[in-house]
Amino acid sequence: MKKMWFYTKKIRYLIVVILFAVWITFIDQTNLRFKANLKGDIEYLKSKIETYKEEIRKNEKYYKDLTTNPDAKERLAREEYYMHRDNEDVLLLLIVPRNNSF
């Protein structure tokens, strides 16, 4: 027993470091897996930010085109709201895919 205590006393700092590493890696509330998940979430959110910034740029360009170009207003009215001139008719074709699961 005295021999075991002697060796334990010799390597107590190593034991403390190993216990600390195990605690930080697996047991602590903010362990390595949790931090890795957070890092993945941050990367995902950064990509979403870039996507939204690109969409904002596109919409600003579209808005500028609508405010300066009268043909763009007419195109918007025809495509989005199905408006037409007095002397023309608008035909909407609805294409429904066939479902052959019967």
Protein backbone atom coordinates (compact mmCIF):
# COMPACT_ATOMS: atom_id res chain seq x y z
CA MET A 1 0.00 0.00 0.00
CA LYS A 2 2.86 2.37 0.81
CA LYS A 3 4.43 1.63 -2.57
CA MET A 4 1.18 2.46 -4.39
CA TRP A 5 0.86 5.72 -2.45
CA PHE A 6 4.46 6.59 -3.31
CA TYR A 7 3.83 6.12 -7.07
CA THR A 8 0.55 8.02 -6.88
CA LYS A 9 2.29 10.91 -5.14
CA LYS A 10 4.93 10.92 -7.86
CA ILE A 11 2.49 11.17 -10.73
CA ARG A 12 -0.27 13.22 -9.08
CA TYR A 13 0.14 16.10 -11.53
CA LEU A 14 -0.25 13.72 -14.45
CA ILE A 15 -3.39 12.27 -12.89
CA VAL A 16 -4.82 15.76 -12.36
CA VAL A 17 -4.09 16.74 -15.97
CA ILE A 18 -5.70 13.53 -17.28
CA LEU A 19 -8.78 14.03 -15.11
CA PHE A 20 -9.03 17.64 -16.26
CA ALA A 21 -8.79 16.60 -19.92
CA VAL A 22 -11.50 13.96 -19.45
CA TRP A 23 -13.69 16.49 -17.67
CA ILE A 24 -13.35 19.14 -20.41
CA THR A 25 -13.74 16.66 -23.25
CA PHE A 26 -16.72 14.60 -22.10
CA ILE A 27 -18.39 15.78 -18.89
CA ASP A 28 -18.47 19.58 -18.89
CA GLN A 29 -21.56 21.43 -20.13
CA THR A 30 -19.60 23.05 -22.96
CA ASN A 31 -17.73 19.95 -24.06
CA LEU A 32 -16.00 19.52 -27.39
CA ARG A 33 -19.01 17.97 -29.13
CA PHE A 34 -21.17 20.93 -28.09
CA LYS A 35 -18.57 23.37 -29.39
CA ALA A 36 -18.30 21.48 -32.68
CA ASN A 37 -22.09 21.68 -33.10
CA LEU A 38 -21.98 25.40 -32.40
CA LYS A 39 -19.24 25.84 -34.98
CA GLY A 40 -21.36 24.01 -37.55
CA ASP A 41 -24.35 26.21 -36.71
CA ILE A 42 -22.22 29.33 -37.11
CA GLU A 43 -21.01 28.21 -40.55
CA TYR A 44 -24.59 27.44 -41.61
CA LEU A 45 -25.80 30.85 -40.44
CA LYS A 46 -22.92 32.63 -42.21
CA SER A 47 -23.90 30.92 -45.46
CA LYS A 48 -27.52 31.97 -44.92
CA ILE A 49 -26.35 35.57 -44.37
CA GLU A 50 -24.52 35.50 -47.70
CA THR A 51 -27.60 34.05 -49.40
CA TYR A 52 -29.82 36.78 -47.99
CA LYS A 53 -27.32 39.50 -48.90
CA GLU A 54 -27.32 38.24 -52.48
CA GLU A 55 -31.11 38.19 -52.50
CA ILE A 56 -31.20 41.76 -51.16
CA ARG A 57 -28.83 42.90 -53.93
CA LYS A 58 -31.03 41.22 -56.53
CA ASN A 59 -34.21 42.77 -55.11
CA GLU A 60 -32.63 46.22 -54.92
CA LYS A 61 -31.66 45.94 -58.59
CA TYR A 62 -35.20 44.80 -59.46
CA TYR A 63 -36.71 47.69 -57.46
CA LYS A 64 -34.43 50.20 -59.16
CA ASP A 65 -35.45 48.78 -62.53
CA LEU A 66 -39.14 49.05 -61.57
CA THR A 67 -38.84 52.66 -60.47
CA THR A 68 -36.94 53.82 -63.56
CA ASN A 69 -38.22 51.64 -66.41
CA PRO A 70 -41.93 51.79 -67.39
CA ASP A 71 -41.62 48.59 -69.44
CA ALA A 72 -40.56 46.76 -66.26
CA LYS A 73 -43.75 47.89 -64.54
CA GLU A 74 -45.82 46.54 -67.39
CA ARG A 75 -43.90 43.26 -67.37
CA LEU A 76 -44.49 42.92 -63.61
CA ALA A 77 -48.20 43.62 -63.99
CA ARG A 78 -48.54 41.07 -66.78
CA GLU A 79 -46.45 38.29 -65.19
CA GLU A 80 -47.40 38.57 -61.53
CA TYR A 81 -50.92 39.98 -61.58
CA TYR A 82 -52.15 38.65 -64.96
CA MET A 83 -53.21 42.11 -66.11
CA HIS A 84 -53.84 42.80 -69.78
CA ARG A 85 -54.59 45.62 -72.16
CA ASP A 86 -58.14 46.38 -73.27
CA ASN A 87 -57.75 44.82 -76.71
CA GLU A 88 -56.17 41.49 -75.69
CA ASP A 89 -57.05 38.32 -73.82
CA VAL A 90 -54.91 36.41 -71.36
CA LEU A 91 -54.95 32.62 -71.41
CA LEU A 92 -53.60 30.71 -68.44
CA LEU A 93 -52.56 27.14 -69.07
CA LEU A 94 -52.48 24.86 -66.09
CA ILE A 95 -50.30 21.83 -66.66
CA VAL A 96 -50.91 19.04 -64.20
CA PRO A 97 -48.49 16.11 -64.23
CA ARG A 98 -50.03 12.70 -64.57
CA ASN A 99 -49.74 10.46 -61.58
CA ASN A 100 -49.34 6.86 -62.71
CA SER A 101 -49.38 5.37 -59.23
CA PHE A 102 -52.79 3.73 -59.61
